[in-house]
Amino acid sequence: MPLDATGKAEEFKQHEAVIRKVYYDVKIGFGSIAKTIKQVQAINPSIRRSEVEAFLAKQEHRQAKARRKDNSYVAFGPREQFQVDLADFGLTGTYRYACHRHLH
């Protein structure tokens, strides 16, 4: 028997309530999509992966931009990575690190 628009909306609300309950559970929640789907489908097998993905995409605490996977020197965000160059121009530096003025 096909559901009307009201029935689908009610089913969606029920599915979202189950997903919310599982995802925000203090002991087992806040997991990956796969872990959340497994736990949700143990309660209600009719919940689809797309519903869990849509729910998690709406959550504010989810990471908005994926980290870069390549070996890049571009920081993910401001003040995340710093690079500093050091130089010893003092008279106590070793030959390799001392100023070249001692060679003249």
C-alpha atoms as a PDB file:
ATOM      1  CA  MET A   1       0.000   0.000   0.000  1.00  0.00           C
ATOM      2  CA  PRO A   2       1.636   3.303  -1.076  1.00  0.00           C
ATOM      3  CA  LEU A   3       1.996   6.063   1.481  1.00  0.00           C
ATOM      4  CA  ASP A   4       0.581   9.513   0.886  1.00  0.00           C
ATOM      5  CA  ALA A   5       2.619  12.683   1.526  1.00  0.00           C
ATOM      6  CA  THR A   6       1.506  12.832   5.160  1.00  0.00           C
ATOM      7  CA  GLY A   7       2.496   9.213   5.711  1.00  0.00           C
ATOM      8  CA  LYS A   8       5.924   9.754   4.175  1.00  0.00           C
ATOM      9  CA  ALA A   9       6.482  12.840   6.305  1.00  0.00           C
ATOM     10  CA  GLU A  10       5.525  10.909   9.414  1.00  0.00           C
ATOM     11  CA  GLU A  11       7.801   8.023   8.432  1.00  0.00           C
ATOM     12  CA  PHE A  12      10.657  10.487   7.838  1.00  0.00           C
ATOM     13  CA  LYS A  13      10.119  12.031  11.291  1.00  0.00           C
ATOM     14  CA  GLN A  14      10.164   8.573  12.884  1.00  0.00           C
ATOM     15  CA  HIS A  15      13.341   7.614  11.038  1.00  0.00           C
ATOM     16  CA  GLU A  16      15.020  10.894  11.994  1.00  0.00           C
ATOM     17  CA  ALA A  17      14.022  10.370  15.645  1.00  0.00           C
ATOM     18  CA  VAL A  18      15.681   6.937  15.646  1.00  0.00           C
ATOM     19  CA  ILE A  19      18.819   8.291  13.954  1.00  0.00           C
ATOM     20  CA  ARG A  20      18.968  11.194  16.413  1.00  0.00           C
ATOM     21  CA  LYS A  21      18.554   8.849  19.394  1.00  0.00           C
ATOM     22  CA  VAL A  22      21.357   6.562  18.200  1.00  0.00           C
ATOM     23  CA  TYR A  23      23.738   9.279  17.041  1.00  0.00           C
ATOM     24  CA  TYR A  24      23.483  11.421  20.168  1.00  0.00           C
ATOM     25  CA  ASP A  25      23.696   8.476  22.573  1.00  0.00           C
ATOM     26  CA  VAL A  26      26.451   9.296  25.068  1.00  0.00           C
ATOM     27  CA  LYS A  27      27.891   5.770  25.260  1.00  0.00           C
ATOM     28  CA  ILE A  28      27.704   4.526  21.654  1.00  0.00           C
ATOM     29  CA  GLY A  29      26.932   7.618  19.578  1.00  0.00           C
ATOM     30  CA  PHE A  30      28.906  10.178  17.581  1.00  0.00           C
ATOM     31  CA  GLY A  31      30.306   7.485  15.315  1.00  0.00           C
ATOM     32  CA  SER A  32      30.979   7.242  11.612  1.00  0.00           C
ATOM     33  CA  ILE A  33      28.253   6.929   9.003  1.00  0.00           C
ATOM     34  CA  ALA A  34      28.804   3.168   8.729  1.00  0.00           C
ATOM     35  CA  LYS A  35      28.691   2.662  12.501  1.00  0.00           C
ATOM     36  CA  THR A  36      25.565   4.806  12.831  1.00  0.00           C
ATOM     37  CA  ILE A  37      23.800   2.939  10.000  1.00  0.00           C
ATOM     38  CA  LYS A  38      24.578  -0.415  11.601  1.00  0.00           C
ATOM     39  CA  GLN A  39      23.175   0.691  14.963  1.00  0.00           C
ATOM     40  CA  VAL A  40      20.120   2.387  13.409  1.00  0.00           C
ATOM     41  CA  GLN A  41      19.235  -0.589  11.213  1.00  0.00           C
ATOM     42  CA  ALA A  42      19.385  -2.868  14.260  1.00  0.00           C
ATOM     43  CA  ILE A  43      16.459  -0.811  15.588  1.00  0.00           C
ATOM     44  CA  ASN A  44      14.645  -0.124  12.303  1.00  0.00           C
ATOM     45  CA  PRO A  45      15.859  -2.012   9.182  1.00  0.00           C
ATOM     46  CA  SER A  46      13.826   0.220   6.829  1.00  0.00           C
ATOM     47  CA  ILE A  47      16.105   3.243   7.433  1.00  0.00           C
ATOM     48  CA  ARG A  48      18.352   3.816   4.417  1.00  0.00           C
ATOM     49  CA  ARG A  49      21.946   5.015   4.261  1.00  0.00           C
ATOM     50  CA  SER A  50      20.862   8.169   2.410  1.00  0.00           C
ATOM     51  CA  GLU A  51      18.645   9.142   5.359  1.00  0.00           C
ATOM     52  CA  VAL A  52      21.553   8.787   7.802  1.00  0.00           C
ATOM     53  CA  GLU A  53      23.865  10.753   5.477  1.00  0.00           C
ATOM     54  CA  ALA A  54      21.258  13.522   5.129  1.00  0.00           C
ATOM     55  CA  PHE A  55      20.820  13.683   8.913  1.00  0.00           C
ATOM     56  CA  LEU A  56      24.561  13.889   9.568  1.00  0.00           C
ATOM     57  CA  ALA A  57      25.022  16.523   6.852  1.00  0.00           C
ATOM     58  CA  LYS A  58      22.597  18.796   8.728  1.00  0.00           C
ATOM     59  CA  GLN A  59      24.517  18.588  12.006  1.00  0.00           C
ATOM     60  CA  GLU A  60      26.594  21.670  12.814  1.00  0.00           C
ATOM     61  CA  HIS A  61      29.462  19.835  14.484  1.00  0.00           C
ATOM     62  CA  ARG A  62      30.296  17.787  11.395  1.00  0.00           C
ATOM     63  CA  GLN A  63      33.483  18.785   9.606  1.00  0.00           C
ATOM     64  CA  ALA A  64      32.508  21.025   6.727  1.00  0.00           C
ATOM     65  CA  LYS A  65      35.593  20.509   4.582  1.00  0.00           C
ATOM     66  CA  ALA A  66      37.557  17.299   4.333  1.00  0.00           C
ATOM     67  CA  ARG A  67      41.248  17.464   5.105  1.00  0.00           C
ATOM     68  CA  ARG A  68      43.617  17.246   2.186  1.00  0.00           C
ATOM     69  CA  LYS A  69      44.940  13.735   1.642  1.00  0.00           C
ATOM     70  CA  ASP A  70      48.061  14.679  -0.304  1.00  0.00           C
ATOM     71  CA  ASN A  71      51.385  15.727   1.195  1.00  0.00           C
ATOM     72  CA  SER A  72      50.851  19.456   0.952  1.00  0.00           C
ATOM     73  CA  TYR A  73      52.265  22.346   2.957  1.00  0.00           C
ATOM     74  CA  VAL A  74      48.982  24.240   2.757  1.00  0.00           C
ATOM     75  CA  ALA A  75      47.469  24.443   6.227  1.00  0.00           C
ATOM     76  CA  PHE A  76      43.858  23.374   6.683  1.00  0.00           C
ATOM     77  CA  GLY A  77      42.926  26.572   8.493  1.00  0.00           C
ATOM     78  CA  PRO A  78      44.405  29.705  10.025  1.00  0.00           C
ATOM     79  CA  ARG A  79      46.895  29.242  12.868  1.00  0.00           C
ATOM     80  CA  GLU A  80      46.985  25.476  12.352  1.00  0.00           C
ATOM     81  CA  GLN A  81      50.543  25.170  11.072  1.00  0.00           C
ATOM     82  CA  PHE A  82      53.540  27.434  11.527  1.00  0.00           C
ATOM     83  CA  GLN A  83      56.929  27.431   9.855  1.00  0.00           C
ATOM     84  CA  VAL A  84      59.941  29.160  11.374  1.00  0.00           C
ATOM     85  CA  ASP A  85      63.446  29.621   9.993  1.00  0.00           C
ATOM     86  CA  LEU A  86      66.233  29.937  12.549  1.00  0.00           C
ATOM     87  CA  ALA A  87      69.666  31.492  12.091  1.00  0.00           C
ATOM     88  CA  ASP A  88      72.577  31.860  14.523  1.00  0.00           C
ATOM     89  CA  PHE A  89      74.541  35.019  13.783  1.00  0.00           C
ATOM     90  CA  GLY A  90      76.313  35.114  17.134  1.00  0.00           C
ATOM     91  CA  LEU A  91      80.036  34.672  17.720  1.00  0.00           C
ATOM     92  CA  THR A  92      79.456  31.390  19.547  1.00  0.00           C
ATOM     93  CA  GLY A  93      78.007  29.571  16.549  1.00  0.00           C
ATOM     94  CA  THR A  94      79.934  26.675  15.061  1.00  0.00           C
ATOM     95  CA  TYR A  95      81.766  27.006  11.750  1.00  0.00           C
ATOM     96  CA  ARG A  96      78.888  25.571   9.759  1.00  0.00           C
ATOM     97  CA  TYR A  97      76.304  27.926  11.232  1.00  0.00           C
ATOM     98  CA  ALA A  98      78.445  31.007  11.941  1.00  0.00           C
ATOM     99  CA  CYS A  99      78.523  34.118   9.782  1.00  0.00           C
ATOM    100  CA  HIS A 100      80.938  34.135   6.890  1.00  0.00           C
ATOM    101  CA  ARG A 101      82.618  37.288   8.243  1.00  0.00           C
ATOM    102  CA  HIS A 102      85.039  35.038  10.153  1.00  0.00           C
ATOM    103  CA  LEU A 103      86.367  33.665   6.856  1.00  0.00           C
ATOM    104  CA  HIS A 104      87.496  37.021   5.413  1.00  0.00           C
END
